[in-house]
Amino acid sequence: MSHRKLFPKAKNLVECTSGAEALEHIKRVYEDSKRQIDDFFKALQKADDADLKNLHFTGACYPYVGIHIPPSHMHIDARLSYGVAIDPGTYGTSVTKPDLFARYYVEQIDLLIQHHRVPVYVGESEDPIPLPFAEEILISSEIHEKLWQMDVGFALPNLSRVDDKIANNTAWPHKGGILPLALFTAERADYSLHRLHHYTGTSPQHFQNFILLTNYQRYVKEFIQYAYNEIENGEEYSQFVGPGNTIIYNHRFEKREPEGSHPEHLPQMPAYHLKRPDGDGITFINIGVGPSNAKNITDHLAVLRPHCWLMVGHCAGLRRSQLLGDYVLAHAYVREDHVLDQDLPLSVPIPALAEVQVALQDAVTNLTGQSGLDVKTRMRTGTVLTTDNRNWELLSDTLFGVFKQTRAIAVDMESATIAANGFRFRVPYGTLLCVSDKPIHGELKLKTSASSFYNQRVKQHLLIGIEAVRLLRERGVMSLHSRKLRGFEEPPFR
């Protein structure tokens, strides 16, 4: 069967037998498309009013990757959670930013070729690169006016394509159609990459494969101090990047002076990146308070396909036996956040992931020096209820029945959202919270008690999160990606 018949929505296809070869062709297609956009803008800058009517942009499209797997080349291995097709058929997707996703593309394509013993095909998709998603182009007011005066032909983001139907398992093709190769199309990925830069104040290229999320600024201060010490004295992390893309270099890796300047105003959810050369460093983000922020940031982080995201933040303890500063390791969630109800029905359970749970508990043991039954004096494993009501305490009489029936041990406003979006996007997740108040038992977060809690626990809590990342990294990411996150019909790419 011809390439065109197998992949009717792609053209100029090239057969590739390795991930590295495929990546080179992806880069070529992508760079050609960017060059077309750049050349048109150069012509537009030189054009006078009389020439405008003769200028028209013919379009520049995303690269395309496809693979056809006949029944005779199926590879059924129950141990694999990604890098393998579950059903025979033809799979394809548009792709973007080959420099940013280079390691990911090479790894995923190599796995498919290895497991199915068939080539992949790389060419041009039919999906145009929207002008806002192309490389940053400085458009002067004069050029902007010219664009409005003419029918240029530039594509704009198509919201009918920028959606999560693949991830939500709500838009699968009819029998015989092209199956999705990845959870996200190129346009959906580009949308999130731009949103990430906007919300965090840092470029997507700096994000690392392990992500720590918090809901309080004091953790940021501790992380910055930890990062400075690692860059100054350590041999693991090569760079520390903050909002505004400020960069501090570890001179053991690269003798360069700091770059960039801190922004006058911090972005909504500032991100800090302690980078390793292999990308397996730590990205730390203060997401603020509330499930809307938690959903927003994880919606966009998901396109980077991180190995894990962990929530390390504050919660309200619900048990009288808990003390301020105690830890809560979530093994189940009550979803009263409501922000994901349309994407993930409440009937869908959010399972605890054994590898993450063990790493978090081991990290508590390593940092507190407590083991065995002694760990239970400062950490409790149980159900966390996530609410969208910041003043839920004023409804404690109404909610008390829910607390009793669910056996919840803590309340917060982000954890269930982060875990549910991890489940939805097949990103391993976990939660370790710290009890900062006990409202239903009369211990409110008042100035004196709060200051004592922050002084005693914030640094240790942060270090536990960092230690958990170290353990997960050293124990291997292949075991981290659980089959519990994969469905009946799954794109082969992780």
Protein backbone atom coordinates (compact mmCIF):
# COMPACT_ATOMS: atom_id res chain seq x y z
CA MET A 1 0.00 0.00 0.00
CA SER A 2 1.33 3.47 -0.90
CA HIS A 3 2.35 6.00 1.72
CA ARG A 4 -0.38 8.37 0.54
CA LYS A 5 -3.10 5.77 1.04
CA LEU A 6 -1.81 4.86 4.49
CA PHE A 7 -1.49 8.49 5.58
CA PRO A 8 -3.95 10.53 3.46
CA LYS A 9 -3.44 13.68 5.56
CA ALA A 10 0.32 13.83 5.06
CA LYS A 11 2.63 14.44 2.11
CA ASN A 12 6.30 14.12 1.16
CA LEU A 13 6.71 11.18 3.50
CA VAL A 14 10.14 9.71 4.16
CA GLU A 15 10.72 6.23 5.60
CA CYS A 16 12.87 6.20 8.75
CA THR A 17 14.33 3.23 10.59
CA SER A 18 15.54 4.97 13.76
CA GLY A 19 14.47 7.71 16.12
CA ALA A 20 17.54 9.79 15.29
CA GLU A 21 16.82 9.61 11.56
CA ALA A 22 13.18 10.51 12.14
CA LEU A 23 14.16 13.48 14.30
CA GLU A 24 16.36 14.89 11.54
CA HIS A 25 13.47 14.80 9.08
CA ILE A 26 11.11 16.33 11.66
CA LYS A 27 13.61 19.17 12.13
CA ARG A 28 13.91 19.68 8.38
CA VAL A 29 10.15 19.97 7.86
CA TYR A 30 9.75 22.25 10.87
CA GLU A 31 12.64 24.52 9.90
CA ASP A 32 11.35 24.75 6.32
CA SER A 33 7.95 25.85 7.61
CA LYS A 34 9.49 28.45 9.92
CA ARG A 35 11.63 29.71 7.05
CA GLN A 36 8.54 30.20 4.88
CA ILE A 37 6.97 32.31 7.62
CA ASP A 38 10.15 34.30 8.13
CA ASP A 39 10.64 34.91 4.39
CA PHE A 40 7.10 36.18 4.04
CA PHE A 41 7.55 38.64 6.90
CA LYS A 42 10.74 39.95 5.33
CA ALA A 43 8.87 40.52 2.07
CA LEU A 44 6.04 42.18 3.95
CA GLN A 45 8.42 44.59 5.65
CA LYS A 46 9.80 45.70 2.28
CA ALA A 47 6.44 45.95 0.52
CA ASP A 48 4.79 49.28 -0.14
CA ASP A 49 1.03 49.73 -0.39
CA ALA A 50 0.98 48.94 -4.10
CA ASP A 51 2.73 45.59 -3.55
CA LEU A 52 0.45 44.36 -0.77
CA LYS A 53 -2.17 42.94 -3.14
CA ASN A 54 0.46 40.66 -4.72
CA LEU A 55 1.58 39.15 -1.42
CA HIS A 56 -0.10 36.01 -0.18
CA PHE A 57 1.13 33.39 2.25
CA THR A 58 0.58 29.85 0.96
CA GLY A 59 0.89 28.21 4.36
CA ALA A 60 3.47 26.38 6.43
CA CYS A 61 2.49 23.14 8.16
CA TYR A 62 3.59 21.08 11.12
CA PRO A 63 5.67 17.92 10.62
CA TYR A 64 3.84 14.59 10.64
CA VAL A 65 4.89 11.24 12.10
CA GLY A 66 3.09 8.02 11.23
CA ILE A 67 3.49 4.27 11.56
CA HIS A 68 1.57 1.33 10.10
CA ILE A 69 1.53 -1.83 12.21
CA PRO A 70 0.02 -4.91 10.57
CA PRO A 71 -1.30 -7.78 12.74
CA SER A 72 1.78 -9.85 11.92
CA HIS A 73 3.99 -7.24 13.61
CA MET A 74 2.11 -6.86 16.87
CA HIS A 75 4.17 -7.18 20.02
CA ILE A 76 2.09 -8.12 23.03
CA ASP A 77 4.02 -7.62 26.26
CA ALA A 78 1.89 -7.04 29.35
CA ARG A 79 4.78 -5.34 31.13
CA LEU A 80 4.90 -2.36 28.78
CA SER A 81 2.93 0.81 29.52
CA TYR A 82 4.09 2.83 26.50
CA GLY A 83 6.20 2.63 23.36
CA VAL A 84 4.00 -0.10 21.93
CA ALA A 85 0.69 -0.22 20.06
CA ILE A 86 -2.17 -2.10 21.69
CA ASP A 87 -3.96 -2.78 18.38
CA PRO A 88 -2.79 -3.18 14.78
CA GLY A 89 -3.53 -0.25 12.51
CA THR A 90 -2.23 3.04 11.20
CA TYR A 91 -1.19 5.68 13.71
CA GLY A 92 -0.24 9.29 13.12
CA THR A 93 0.16 12.72 14.68
CA SER A 94 1.45 16.19 13.94
CA VAL A 95 4.50 17.21 15.99
CA THR A 96 6.18 20.47 16.94
CA LYS A 97 9.31 22.01 18.46
CA PRO A 98 11.79 19.22 17.60
CA ASP A 99 14.59 20.90 19.54
CA LEU A 100 12.50 21.00 22.71
CA PHE A 101 11.13 17.45 22.33
CA ALA A 102 14.21 15.85 20.76
CA ARG A 103 14.89 13.28 23.49
CA TYR A 104 11.22 12.42 23.78
CA TYR A 105 10.69 11.90 20.04
CA VAL A 106 13.81 9.78 19.61
CA GLU A 107 12.94 7.60 22.61
CA GLN A 108 9.31 7.03 21.62
CA ILE A 109 10.06 6.34 17.94
CA ASP A 110 12.93 3.98 18.75
CA LEU A 111 10.67 2.00 21.08
CA LEU A 112 8.00 1.60 18.39
CA ILE A 113 10.53 0.47 15.79
CA GLN A 114 12.11 -1.92 18.28
CA HIS A 115 8.83 -3.46 19.43
CA HIS A 116 7.08 -3.73 16.04
CA ARG A 117 9.98 -4.08 13.58
CA VAL A 118 8.46 -1.64 11.08
CA PRO A 119 9.64 1.82 9.95
CA VAL A 120 8.06 5.15 10.79
CA TYR A 121 7.23 7.80 8.22
CA VAL A 122 7.93 11.52 8.55
CA GLY A 123 6.50 14.20 6.32
CA GLU A 124 4.32 17.30 6.25
CA SER A 125 0.90 17.35 7.90
CA GLU A 126 -2.15 19.24 6.67
CA ASP A 127 -2.24 21.28 9.88
CA PRO A 128 -0.90 24.81 9.36
CA ILE A 129 1.29 26.37 12.03
CA PRO A 130 -0.76 29.25 13.46
CA LEU A 131 1.07 32.54 13.33
CA PRO A 132 1.01 33.05 17.14
CA PHE A 133 2.62 29.62 17.61
CA ALA A 134 5.53 30.19 15.25
CA GLU A 135 8.86 31.28 16.68
CA GLU A 136 8.61 34.70 18.27
CA ILE A 137 8.34 37.26 15.49
CA LEU A 138 8.59 40.93 16.35
CA ILE A 139 5.65 42.54 14.58
CA SER A 140 5.89 46.31 14.43
CA SER A 141 2.78 48.47 14.51
CA GLU A 142 3.39 49.23 10.82
CA ILE A 143 3.48 45.53 9.89
CA HIS A 144 0.47 44.84 12.09
CA GLU A 145 -1.48 47.49 10.15
CA LYS A 146 -0.44 45.94 6.84
CA LEU A 147 -1.66 42.52 7.98
CA TRP A 148 -5.09 43.99 8.61
CA GLN A 149 -5.16 45.56 5.15
CA MET A 150 -4.75 42.31 3.26
CA ASP A 151 -5.94 38.74 3.10
CA VAL A 152 -2.56 37.25 3.97
CA GLY A 153 -3.55 33.63 4.46
CA PHE A 154 -1.91 33.15 7.85
CA ALA A 155 -3.52 30.51 10.05
CA LEU A 156 -4.80 31.36 13.51
CA PRO A 157 -5.26 28.85 16.36
CA ASN A 158 -8.25 26.61 15.67
CA LEU A 159 -10.04 25.97 18.94
CA SER A 160 -11.88 23.02 17.40
CA ARG A 161 -8.50 21.26 17.21
CA VAL A 162 -6.97 22.62 20.45
CA ASP A 163 -8.75 20.27 22.80
CA ASP A 164 -8.21 17.18 24.95
CA LYS A 165 -10.48 14.71 23.19
CA ILE A 166 -7.65 12.21 22.72
CA ALA A 167 -6.54 12.38 26.36
CA ASN A 168 -10.16 12.19 27.54
CA ASN A 169 -10.89 9.18 25.29
CA THR A 170 -13.87 10.96 23.75
CA ALA A 171 -12.78 11.28 20.11
CA TRP A 172 -11.56 8.06 18.53
CA PRO A 173 -11.75 7.57 14.75
CA HIS A 174 -14.04 5.12 13.06
CA LYS A 175 -12.77 1.68 12.19
CA GLY A 176 -10.08 1.93 9.56
CA GLY A 177 -9.24 5.55 10.33
CA ILE A 178 -5.95 6.99 11.54
CA LEU A 179 -5.39 6.26 15.22
CA PRO A 180 -3.69 8.90 17.39
CA LEU A 181 0.02 8.31 17.91
CA ALA A 182 0.27 10.79 20.82
CA LEU A 183 -2.00 12.31 23.44
CA PHE A 184 -1.51 15.82 22.04
CA THR A 185 -1.41 17.20 18.52
CA ALA A 186 1.20 19.80 17.63
CA GLU A 187 -1.27 22.66 17.87
CA ARG A 188 -2.47 21.58 21.32
CA ALA A 189 1.14 21.29 22.50
CA ASP A 190 2.07 24.72 21.14
CA TYR A 191 -0.93 26.27 22.85
CA SER A 192 0.24 24.94 26.22
CA LEU A 193 3.88 25.87 25.65
CA HIS A 194 2.87 29.49 25.20
CA ARG A 195 0.58 29.34 28.24
CA LEU A 196 3.40 27.91 30.35
CA HIS A 197 5.67 30.80 29.48
CA HIS A 198 2.89 33.27 30.27
CA TYR A 199 1.95 31.81 33.66
CA THR A 200 5.39 30.83 34.95
CA GLY A 201 7.65 33.48 33.46
CA THR A 202 10.10 30.90 32.09
CA SER A 203 10.60 29.33 28.68
CA PRO A 204 9.48 25.71 28.12
CA GLN A 205 13.06 24.66 27.32
CA HIS A 206 13.96 24.98 31.02
CA PHE A 207 11.28 22.67 32.43
CA GLN A 208 12.57 19.45 33.95
CA ASN A 209 11.09 15.95 34.07
CA PHE A 210 10.33 16.02 37.80
CA ILE A 211 7.95 18.70 39.03
CA LEU A 212 7.21 19.86 42.57
CA LEU A 213 4.06 21.94 43.05
CA THR A 214 3.30 23.98 46.15
CA ASN A 215 0.57 26.32 47.34
CA TYR A 216 2.66 28.62 49.49
CA GLN A 217 5.39 31.17 48.80
CA ARG A 218 7.63 30.26 51.76
CA TYR A 219 8.49 26.98 50.05
CA VAL A 220 9.84 28.99 47.14
CA LYS A 221 12.29 30.83 49.38
CA GLU A 222 13.59 27.52 50.73
CA PHE A 223 13.88 26.05 47.24
CA ILE A 224 15.87 29.05 46.00
CA GLN A 225 18.29 28.71 48.91
CA TYR A 226 18.63 24.98 48.27
CA ALA A 227 19.23 25.61 44.55
CA TYR A 228 21.90 28.26 45.17
CA ASN A 229 23.77 25.87 47.44
CA GLU A 230 23.59 23.07 44.86
CA ILE A 231 24.88 25.33 42.09
CA GLU A 232 27.67 26.68 44.31
CA ASN A 233 28.79 23.41 45.91
CA GLY A 234 27.15 20.48 44.16
CA GLU A 235 28.05 18.38 41.14
CA GLU A 236 24.60 17.21 40.01
CA TYR A 237 22.77 20.29 38.74
CA SER A 238 24.20 22.44 35.94
CA GLN A 239 21.92 25.51 35.99
CA PHE A 240 19.34 27.28 38.11
CA VAL A 241 16.71 29.22 36.15
CA GLY A 242 14.12 31.62 37.58
CA PRO A 243 11.34 33.90 36.28
CA GLY A 244 12.52 36.12 33.47
CA ASN A 245 14.78 33.24 32.34
CA THR A 246 17.50 34.34 34.72
CA ILE A 247 20.24 31.71 34.69
CA ILE A 248 22.94 30.92 37.23
CA TYR A 249 25.54 28.43 36.02
CA ASN A 250 27.35 25.74 37.97
CA HIS A 251 30.98 26.40 37.00
CA ARG A 252 31.78 22.69 37.27
CA PHE A 253 29.72 22.28 34.09
CA GLU A 254 30.11 25.62 32.36
CA LYS A 255 32.10 28.70 33.35
CA ARG A 256 29.65 31.43 32.46
CA GLU A 257 28.44 34.51 34.25
CA PRO A 258 24.77 34.78 35.35
CA GLU A 259 22.31 35.83 32.65
CA GLY A 260 19.06 37.75 32.56
CA SER A 261 17.35 40.07 35.00
CA HIS A 262 14.50 39.40 37.40
CA PRO A 263 11.12 40.71 36.23
CA GLU A 264 9.67 43.74 37.96
CA HIS A 265 6.51 41.75 38.72
CA LEU A 266 6.36 38.01 39.31
CA PRO A 267 4.10 35.98 37.02
CA GLN A 268 0.95 34.34 38.35
CA MET A 269 2.62 30.98 39.01
CA PRO A 270 6.40 31.54 39.09
CA ALA A 271 8.58 28.57 38.18
CA TYR A 272 12.15 27.75 39.21
CA HIS A 273 14.23 25.11 37.47
CA LEU A 274 17.17 23.23 38.98
CA LYS A 275 18.46 21.70 35.78
CA ARG A 276 20.43 18.55 35.04
CA PRO A 277 22.07 17.96 31.65
CA ASP A 278 19.77 14.96 31.07
CA GLY A 279 16.61 16.95 31.83
CA ASP A 280 15.85 14.92 34.96
CA GLY A 281 16.23 17.85 37.32
CA ILE A 282 13.52 19.56 39.35
CA THR A 283 11.02 22.21 38.30
CA PHE A 284 9.42 23.94 41.29
CA ILE A 285 6.20 25.96 40.82
CA ASN A 286 4.19 27.98 43.29
CA ILE A 287 0.71 27.43 41.86
CA GLY A 288 -1.05 29.52 44.48
CA VAL A 289 -4.32 28.50 46.08
CA GLY A 290 -7.26 26.73 44.50
CA PRO A 291 -8.24 23.94 42.12
CA SER A 292 -8.58 26.31 39.14
CA ASN A 293 -4.87 27.13 39.31
CA ALA A 294 -4.03 23.46 39.88
CA LYS A 295 -5.94 22.38 36.77
CA ASN A 296 -4.62 25.26 34.70
CA ILE A 297 -0.94 24.56 35.30
CA THR A 298 -1.18 20.77 34.96
CA ASP A 299 -3.24 21.10 31.75
CA HIS A 300 -0.20 22.78 30.25
CA LEU A 301 2.61 20.89 32.00
CA ALA A 302 1.19 17.66 30.60
CA VAL A 303 2.33 18.40 27.03
CA LEU A 304 5.95 18.25 28.24
CA ARG A 305 5.38 14.59 29.22
CA PRO A 306 7.15 14.84 32.61
CA HIS A 307 8.03 11.72 34.55
CA CYS A 308 6.17 12.84 37.67
CA TRP A 309 4.54 15.72 39.48
CA LEU A 310 4.25 15.89 43.25
CA MET A 311 2.20 18.18 45.48
CA VAL A 312 3.98 19.44 48.60
CA GLY A 313 1.77 21.97 50.33
CA HIS A 314 -0.41 22.78 53.31
CA CYS A 315 -3.63 21.20 54.44
CA ALA A 316 -6.10 21.29 57.30
CA GLY A 317 -5.94 18.25 59.56
CA LEU A 318 -9.27 16.61 60.39
CA ARG A 319 -8.26 14.20 63.16
CA ARG A 320 -7.89 15.25 66.76
CA SER A 321 -4.75 13.10 67.09
CA GLN A 322 -2.93 15.11 64.41
CA LEU A 323 -0.50 17.84 65.41
CA LEU A 324 0.46 20.98 63.53
CA GLY A 325 3.43 20.04 61.35
CA ASP A 326 2.36 16.42 60.88
CA TYR A 327 2.58 15.00 57.37
CA VAL A 328 -0.28 13.56 55.32
CA LEU A 329 0.50 11.03 52.59
CA ALA A 330 -2.57 10.88 50.37
CA HIS A 331 -3.60 7.42 49.21
CA ALA A 332 -7.09 8.44 48.04
CA TYR A 333 -8.92 11.62 47.11
CA VAL A 334 -12.43 13.02 47.49
CA ARG A 335 -13.00 15.29 44.53
CA GLU A 336 -15.04 18.26 45.68
CA ASP A 337 -13.03 20.62 43.44
CA HIS A 338 -15.45 20.38 40.45
CA VAL A 339 -13.04 21.86 37.88
CA LEU A 340 -12.52 18.52 36.12
CA ASP A 341 -16.08 17.23 36.21
CA GLN A 342 -16.52 17.72 32.45
CA ASP A 343 -13.22 16.05 31.57
CA LEU A 344 -13.07 13.21 34.09
CA PRO A 345 -16.35 11.94 35.59
CA LEU A 346 -16.50 11.67 39.36
CA SER A 347 -17.18 7.95 38.93
CA VAL A 348 -13.57 7.47 37.78
CA PRO A 349 -11.36 6.42 40.73
CA ILE A 350 -7.93 8.02 41.12
CA PRO A 351 -5.59 5.20 42.24
CA ALA A 352 -2.54 5.64 44.42
CA LEU A 353 0.68 4.77 42.56
CA ALA A 354 2.79 2.36 44.56
CA GLU A 355 6.16 3.58 43.28
CA VAL A 356 5.36 7.18 44.21
CA GLN A 357 3.83 6.28 47.58
CA VAL A 358 6.87 4.23 48.57
CA ALA A 359 9.28 6.98 47.48
CA LEU A 360 7.43 9.61 49.51
CA GLN A 361 7.31 7.43 52.61
CA ASP A 362 10.98 6.51 52.26
CA ALA A 363 11.82 10.20 51.86
CA VAL A 364 10.01 10.98 55.13
CA THR A 365 12.00 8.23 56.83
CA ASN A 366 15.30 9.50 55.43
CA LEU A 367 14.71 13.14 56.40
CA THR A 368 13.10 12.66 59.83
CA GLY A 369 15.26 9.75 60.96
CA GLN A 370 12.11 7.91 62.04
CA SER A 371 11.33 4.43 60.77
CA GLY A 372 8.83 1.64 61.31
CA LEU A 373 6.02 2.48 63.70
CA ASP A 374 7.79 5.68 64.75
CA VAL A 375 6.99 7.22 61.34
CA LYS A 376 3.30 7.08 62.25
CA THR A 377 3.88 9.55 65.06
CA ARG A 378 4.49 12.32 62.49
CA MET A 379 2.89 11.04 59.27
CA ARG A 380 -0.52 9.62 58.52
CA THR A 381 -1.64 7.92 55.32
CA GLY A 382 -5.25 8.43 54.30
CA THR A 383 -7.83 10.21 52.21
CA VAL A 384 -7.53 13.90 51.29
CA LEU A 385 -10.64 15.91 50.43
CA THR A 386 -10.06 18.72 47.94
CA THR A 387 -12.62 21.52 47.95
CA ASP A 388 -13.22 24.59 45.78
CA ASN A 389 -14.52 26.56 48.79
CA ARG A 390 -11.74 28.59 50.41
CA ASN A 391 -13.90 29.15 53.49
CA TRP A 392 -15.11 25.60 53.87
CA GLU A 393 -14.62 25.98 57.64
CA LEU A 394 -17.81 28.03 57.76
CA LEU A 395 -19.67 24.94 56.50
CA SER A 396 -17.93 22.47 58.81
CA ASP A 397 -21.22 21.37 60.39
CA THR A 398 -22.60 20.51 56.94
CA LEU A 399 -19.37 18.86 55.80
CA PHE A 400 -18.76 16.88 58.96
CA GLY A 401 -20.94 14.04 57.70
CA VAL A 402 -18.85 13.89 54.50
CA PHE A 403 -15.65 13.80 56.56
CA LYS A 404 -16.98 10.91 58.63
CA GLN A 405 -18.23 8.84 55.70
CA THR A 406 -15.13 9.32 53.54
CA ARG A 407 -12.80 8.88 56.53
CA ALA A 408 -10.83 11.86 55.20
CA ILE A 409 -7.88 12.94 57.30
CA ALA A 410 -7.15 16.29 55.62
CA VAL A 411 -8.68 19.05 53.49
CA ASP A 412 -6.93 21.14 50.87
CA MET A 413 -7.74 22.91 47.59
CA GLU A 414 -5.33 21.41 45.04
CA SER A 415 -4.27 17.80 45.64
CA ALA A 416 -7.20 15.89 44.14
CA THR A 417 -7.12 18.16 41.09
CA ILE A 418 -3.41 17.53 40.53
CA ALA A 419 -3.82 13.78 41.01
CA ALA A 420 -6.90 13.60 38.78
CA ASN A 421 -5.15 15.50 36.00
CA GLY A 422 -2.15 13.22 36.42
CA PHE A 423 -4.44 10.23 35.94
CA ARG A 424 -6.16 11.93 33.00
CA PHE A 425 -2.90 12.81 31.23
CA ARG A 426 -0.98 9.63 32.23
CA VAL A 427 1.54 11.57 34.33
CA PRO A 428 2.54 9.82 37.60
CA TYR A 429 1.46 11.84 40.64
CA GLY A 430 1.65 11.93 44.41
CA THR A 431 0.80 14.12 47.40
CA LEU A 432 2.56 14.80 50.68
CA LEU A 433 0.90 17.57 52.68
CA CYS A 434 1.72 19.21 55.98
CA VAL A 435 -0.94 20.03 58.57
CA SER A 436 -0.93 23.80 59.11
CA ASP A 437 -4.21 24.09 61.07
CA LYS A 438 -7.12 22.05 62.47
CA PRO A 439 -10.17 24.31 62.13
CA ILE A 440 -12.84 21.84 63.24
CA HIS A 441 -10.86 21.28 66.45
CA GLY A 442 -10.40 24.98 67.16
CA GLU A 443 -6.75 25.24 66.01
CA LEU A 444 -6.94 28.00 63.41
CA LYS A 445 -4.11 29.34 61.28
CA LEU A 446 -3.44 32.38 63.46
CA LYS A 447 -0.32 34.52 63.38
CA THR A 448 1.56 32.96 66.32
CA SER A 449 0.87 29.29 65.59
CA ALA A 450 1.42 29.79 61.85
CA SER A 451 4.85 31.34 62.37
CA SER A 452 5.90 28.47 64.61
CA PHE A 453 4.72 25.94 62.04
CA TYR A 454 6.51 27.64 59.17
CA ASN A 455 9.79 27.86 61.09
CA GLN A 456 9.71 24.19 62.04
CA ARG A 457 8.38 22.40 59.00
CA VAL A 458 8.66 24.22 55.67
CA LYS A 459 12.35 23.44 55.04
CA GLN A 460 12.06 19.80 56.09
CA HIS A 461 8.92 19.33 54.01
CA LEU A 462 10.62 20.74 50.92
CA LEU A 463 13.67 18.53 51.43
CA ILE A 464 11.39 15.49 51.70
CA GLY A 465 9.92 16.36 48.30
CA ILE A 466 13.40 16.73 46.79
CA GLU A 467 14.49 13.45 48.37
CA ALA A 468 11.43 11.71 46.90
CA VAL A 469 12.46 12.96 43.45
CA ARG A 470 15.96 11.57 43.97
CA LEU A 471 14.57 8.17 44.93
CA LEU A 472 12.19 8.06 41.97
CA ARG A 473 14.98 9.00 39.58
CA GLU A 474 17.42 6.44 40.95
CA ARG A 475 14.83 3.64 41.02
CA GLY A 476 14.18 4.15 37.32
CA VAL A 477 11.53 5.99 35.36
CA MET A 478 10.48 2.89 33.42
CA SER A 479 8.97 1.43 36.59
CA LEU A 480 7.47 4.79 37.51
CA HIS A 481 5.13 4.93 34.52
CA SER A 482 2.37 2.65 35.69
CA ARG A 483 0.03 0.60 33.52
CA LYS A 484 -2.73 1.79 35.87
CA LEU A 485 -2.65 5.08 33.95
CA ARG A 486 -3.20 3.46 30.55
CA GLY A 487 -6.60 2.68 29.08
CA PHE A 488 -8.15 0.23 26.63
CA GLU A 489 -7.22 2.31 23.60
CA GLU A 490 -4.01 4.23 24.11
CA PRO A 491 -1.70 6.23 21.84
CA PRO A 492 1.67 4.45 21.72
CA PHE A 493 3.66 7.54 22.70
CA ARG A 494 4.05 8.03 26.47
